[in-house]
Protein backbone atom coordinates (compact mmCIF):
# COMPACT_ATOMS: atom_id res chain seq x y z
CA MET A 1 19.76 21.48 140.33
CA ARG A 2 17.57 23.56 138.00
CA VAL A 3 19.36 26.71 139.17
CA PHE A 4 22.73 25.09 138.41
CA GLY A 5 21.60 24.05 134.93
CA GLY A 6 20.11 27.46 134.26
CA GLY A 7 23.40 29.11 135.18
CA TRP A 8 25.27 26.96 132.69
CA LEU A 9 22.68 27.75 130.03
CA VAL A 10 23.04 31.49 130.57
CA ALA A 11 26.83 31.20 130.55
CA SER A 12 26.77 29.15 127.33
CA VAL A 13 24.52 31.67 125.61
CA ALA A 14 26.80 34.49 126.71
CA VAL A 15 29.89 32.69 125.39
CA PHE A 16 28.32 31.89 122.03
CA SER A 17 26.98 35.44 121.74
CA GLY A 18 30.44 36.81 122.43
CA LEU A 19 32.00 34.52 119.83
CA PHE A 20 29.35 35.50 117.29
CA LEU A 21 29.91 39.20 117.88
CA ARG A 22 33.67 38.76 117.68
CA ARG A 23 33.37 36.84 114.42
CA SER A 24 31.03 39.48 113.00
CA SER A 25 33.49 42.18 113.98
CA GLU A 26 36.38 40.31 112.34
CA ILE A 27 34.41 39.88 109.12
CA ARG A 28 33.54 43.57 109.08
CA MET A 29 37.14 44.59 109.75
CA GLU A 30 38.35 42.32 106.95
CA ALA A 31 35.68 43.81 104.66
CA VAL A 32 36.97 47.31 105.39
CA ALA A 33 40.60 46.22 104.89
CA ARG A 34 39.69 44.48 101.63
CA ALA A 35 37.81 47.54 100.37
CA CYS A 36 40.72 49.83 101.28
CA HIS A 37 43.10 47.51 99.46
CA GLU A 38 40.89 47.40 96.37
CA LEU A 39 40.31 51.17 96.42
CA ARG A 40 43.87 52.29 97.05
CA GLY A 41 45.45 50.61 94.03
CA PRO A 42 42.96 51.60 91.30
CA LEU A 43 42.62 55.18 92.56
CA ALA A 44 46.42 55.58 92.66
CA ALA A 45 46.67 54.25 89.11
CA VAL A 46 43.96 56.64 87.91
CA ARG A 47 45.55 59.63 89.66
CA LEU A 48 48.97 58.97 88.15
CA GLY A 49 47.43 58.30 84.74
CA VAL A 50 45.53 61.59 84.80
CA GLU A 51 48.67 63.44 85.91
CA LEU A 52 50.50 61.97 82.91
CA GLY A 53 47.69 63.09 80.64
CA VAL A 54 47.93 66.62 82.02
CA ARG A 55 51.69 66.68 81.42
CA VAL A 56 51.56 65.44 77.84
CA GLY A 57 48.34 67.24 77.01
CA GLU A 58 46.14 64.26 76.16
CA LEU A 59 45.15 60.69 76.95
CA SER A 60 44.80 58.09 74.22
CA PRO A 61 41.57 56.10 73.83
CA GLU A 62 43.41 53.05 75.17
CA GLN A 63 44.53 54.97 78.27
CA LEU A 64 41.04 56.32 78.88
CA ARG A 65 39.55 52.84 78.60
CA ALA A 66 42.15 51.46 80.99
CA LEU A 67 41.52 54.21 83.55
CA ASP A 68 37.77 53.67 83.24
CA GLN A 69 38.33 50.01 84.06
CA GLU A 70 40.24 50.96 87.23
CA LEU A 71 37.44 53.30 88.29
CA GLY A 72 35.03 50.42 87.77
CA ARG A 73 37.20 48.30 90.07
CA ALA A 74 37.01 51.01 92.73
CA SER A 75 33.23 51.15 92.43
CA LEU A 76 33.08 47.37 92.74
CA ALA A 77 35.10 47.56 95.97
CA LEU A 78 32.51 49.91 97.46
CA ASP A 79 29.73 47.54 96.42
CA ASP A 80 31.61 44.70 98.13
CA LEU A 81 31.96 46.73 101.30
CA ALA A 82 28.22 47.34 101.38
CA GLY A 83 27.63 43.62 100.88
CA ALA A 84 29.98 42.27 103.59
CA GLY A 85 33.16 42.70 101.54
CA LEU A 86 33.16 39.31 99.84
CA PRO A 87 33.54 38.79 96.07
CA ALA A 88 30.21 38.04 94.46
CA ARG A 89 29.33 34.44 93.69
CA ASP A 90 27.67 33.15 90.55
CA GLY A 91 23.93 33.39 90.77
CA ASP A 92 23.82 36.51 92.95
CA GLY A 93 22.37 38.69 90.23
CA ARG A 94 25.60 40.04 88.72
CA ALA A 95 25.68 39.72 84.95
CA ARG A 96 28.30 37.44 83.41
CA HIS A 97 29.23 37.42 79.77
CA GLU A 98 32.06 36.61 77.39
CA VAL A 99 35.17 38.63 78.25
CA ASP A 100 37.92 39.35 75.72
CA VAL A 101 41.02 38.35 77.69
CA VAL A 102 43.46 40.11 75.37
CA ARG A 103 41.73 43.45 75.86
CA LEU A 104 41.29 42.81 79.58
CA LEU A 105 45.02 42.23 80.05
CA SER A 106 45.97 45.07 77.73
CA ASP A 107 43.82 47.50 79.73
CA SER A 108 45.23 46.25 83.05
CA VAL A 109 48.80 46.70 81.83
CA GLU A 110 48.06 50.14 80.37
CA ALA A 111 46.48 51.31 83.63
CA TRP A 112 49.54 50.28 85.65
CA ARG A 113 52.32 51.51 83.33
CA VAL A 114 52.66 54.86 85.08
CA PRO A 115 52.61 53.45 88.66
CA ALA A 116 55.24 50.94 87.51
CA ALA A 117 57.44 53.69 86.09
CA GLU A 118 57.08 55.66 89.34
CA ARG A 119 58.69 52.69 91.13
CA GLY A 120 61.37 52.15 88.51
CA ALA A 121 59.70 49.08 87.01
CA VAL A 122 58.92 48.34 83.37
CA LEU A 123 55.79 46.52 82.22
CA ALA A 124 55.82 44.36 79.10
CA PHE A 125 52.70 42.71 77.68
CA GLU A 126 52.52 39.87 75.17
CA TRP A 127 49.65 37.74 73.98
CA MET A 128 50.75 34.62 72.14
CA GLY A 129 48.62 32.87 69.57
CA VAL A 130 44.92 33.21 68.83
CA PRO A 131 42.66 35.50 70.89
CA ALA A 132 40.67 34.00 73.74
CA ARG A 133 37.54 34.68 75.73
CA VAL A 134 36.33 33.56 79.14
CA TRP A 135 32.90 33.60 80.75
CA GLY A 136 32.61 35.89 83.75
CA GLU A 137 32.46 39.40 85.18
CA ARG A 138 34.90 41.73 83.45
CA LEU A 139 35.46 44.01 86.44
CA ARG A 140 35.88 41.07 88.80
CA LEU A 141 38.46 39.56 86.46
CA ALA A 142 40.10 42.99 86.21
CA GLN A 143 40.46 42.86 89.99
CA ALA A 144 42.39 39.61 89.63
CA THR A 145 44.73 40.78 86.86
CA GLY A 146 45.18 44.20 88.45
CA ASN A 147 46.13 42.66 91.79
CA LEU A 148 48.72 40.41 90.18
CA ILE A 149 50.30 43.32 88.31
CA ALA A 150 50.19 45.64 91.33
CA ASN A 151 51.81 42.96 93.51
CA ALA A 152 54.57 42.47 90.96
CA ILE A 153 55.22 46.23 90.90
CA GLU A 154 55.22 46.69 94.67
CA HIS A 155 57.00 43.53 95.77
CA GLY A 156 58.97 42.50 92.70
CA GLY A 157 59.91 45.37 90.44
CA GLY A 158 62.43 45.40 87.64
CA GLU A 159 61.21 44.05 84.33
CA ILE A 160 57.67 42.70 84.76
CA SER A 161 56.31 40.43 82.08
CA VAL A 162 52.57 39.97 81.61
CA ARG A 163 51.80 37.31 79.03
CA GLY A 164 48.92 35.10 78.09
CA TRP A 165 47.89 32.38 75.70
CA LEU A 166 45.31 29.73 75.01
CA THR A 167 46.45 26.22 75.94
CA PRO A 168 47.00 23.79 73.04
CA GLU A 169 43.73 21.96 73.70
CA HIS A 170 41.95 25.36 73.72
CA ARG A 171 40.26 24.62 77.02
CA ARG A 172 42.15 26.96 79.35
CA VAL A 173 43.42 30.52 79.24
CA ARG A 174 46.80 30.87 80.96
CA ILE A 175 47.99 34.25 82.25
CA GLU A 176 51.44 34.68 83.75
CA VAL A 177 52.88 37.65 85.64
CA VAL A 178 56.63 37.40 86.20
CA ASP A 179 58.73 39.91 88.15
CA ALA A 180 62.41 40.28 89.00
CA GLY A 181 62.07 40.62 92.78
CA PRO A 182 63.00 38.31 95.67
CA GLY A 183 60.15 35.89 95.01
CA LEU A 184 57.21 34.84 97.16
CA PRO A 185 57.80 34.51 100.92
CA ALA A 186 55.57 31.41 101.00
CA PRO A 187 53.46 29.28 98.62
CA VAL A 188 50.43 31.04 97.15
CA ALA A 189 47.98 28.80 98.99
CA ASP A 190 49.67 29.54 102.32
CA LEU A 191 49.62 33.30 101.73
CA ALA A 192 45.94 33.19 100.79
CA ARG A 193 45.02 31.04 103.80
CA ARG A 194 46.98 32.95 106.43
CA PRO A 195 45.03 34.60 109.24
CA ARG A 196 43.79 37.98 108.13
CA GLY A 197 46.23 39.88 110.30
CA GLY A 198 49.21 37.97 108.90
CA ARG A 199 48.57 38.29 105.20
CA GLY A 200 50.09 41.68 104.58
CA ALA A 201 49.48 43.61 101.37
CA ARG A 202 50.68 40.84 99.09
CA GLY A 203 48.72 38.13 100.85
CA ARG A 204 45.44 40.04 100.75
CA GLY A 205 45.75 40.73 97.02
CA LEU A 206 46.55 37.09 96.30
CA ALA A 207 43.67 35.93 98.52
CA ILE A 208 41.24 38.12 96.57
CA THR A 209 42.62 36.87 93.25
CA ALA A 210 42.44 33.24 94.36
CA VAL A 211 38.76 33.61 95.30
CA ILE A 212 37.94 35.28 91.97
CA ALA A 213 39.78 32.55 90.06
CA ARG A 214 37.93 29.82 91.94
CA ASP A 215 34.55 31.51 91.43
CA HIS A 216 35.26 31.60 87.67
CA GLY A 217 36.19 27.92 87.53
CA GLY A 218 39.92 28.60 87.48
CA ARG A 219 42.89 28.64 89.83
CA LEU A 220 45.81 30.76 90.98
CA ALA A 221 49.21 29.16 91.47
CA ALA A 222 52.94 29.85 91.38
CA ALA A 223 55.29 28.33 88.82
CA PRO A 224 59.08 27.79 88.98
CA CYS A 225 61.12 30.85 88.12
CA GLU A 226 64.88 31.47 88.03
CA THR A 227 64.48 34.84 89.75
CA GLY A 228 61.52 36.66 91.22
CA ALA A 229 57.95 35.43 91.35
CA ARG A 230 55.96 33.79 88.57
CA LEU A 231 52.24 33.77 89.26
CA VAL A 232 49.86 31.86 87.03
CA LEU A 233 46.14 32.52 86.62
CA GLU A 234 44.22 29.88 84.70
CA LEU A 235 40.61 30.23 83.58
CA PRO A 236 38.33 28.04 81.49
CA ALA A 237 38.12 29.33 77.92
CA VAL A 238 34.93 29.85 75.94
CA ALA A 239 34.86 27.25 73.16
């Protein structure tokens, strides 16, 4: 009887060990895929931006600041890969501070103007009303806005509108990215929750953005739109 029980114990340990190793492997593979996703976009934007600067003979201070932000995103992706590939949580040692949302969005749009033009898309940026600030990590928030813009370019196209404003009660910052494409293939929550292998490029970017929004006390959602996709990022505003 002891031999029988021992055999089951050994088998159980082997099964749980196998499941643990498989799960660890899946997490590592997702970390690599996430890092590749977060490296590919910013580096492509920087390369095209530098090529434009070479053609015209100079880069404006705004363009340089925007490209520097994208390089910071790429560096952040490598840090994530070294730390299991998951966006950092509050309290993990990363500094948070007040972030100027108008400048953040302006830099994101500026960085992606050339990649948009390469795909025949046009980016338009508008901030309505008084300026706003949020509390958080600038580069992490740049990941969120950059992913939304990159998704609109790759999967939507046409005229892409990036706009933001402070809600009337001044408690939330609302950012909308609207494209002229075929729209989302599924609700945002479904795309973000899909198994890793079924997300695709758009799903992975939205999953990353959703996590960043949640970690900053906000949310990512879709809003009704006559044509294309209309993604909404809401964040708590600094009073």
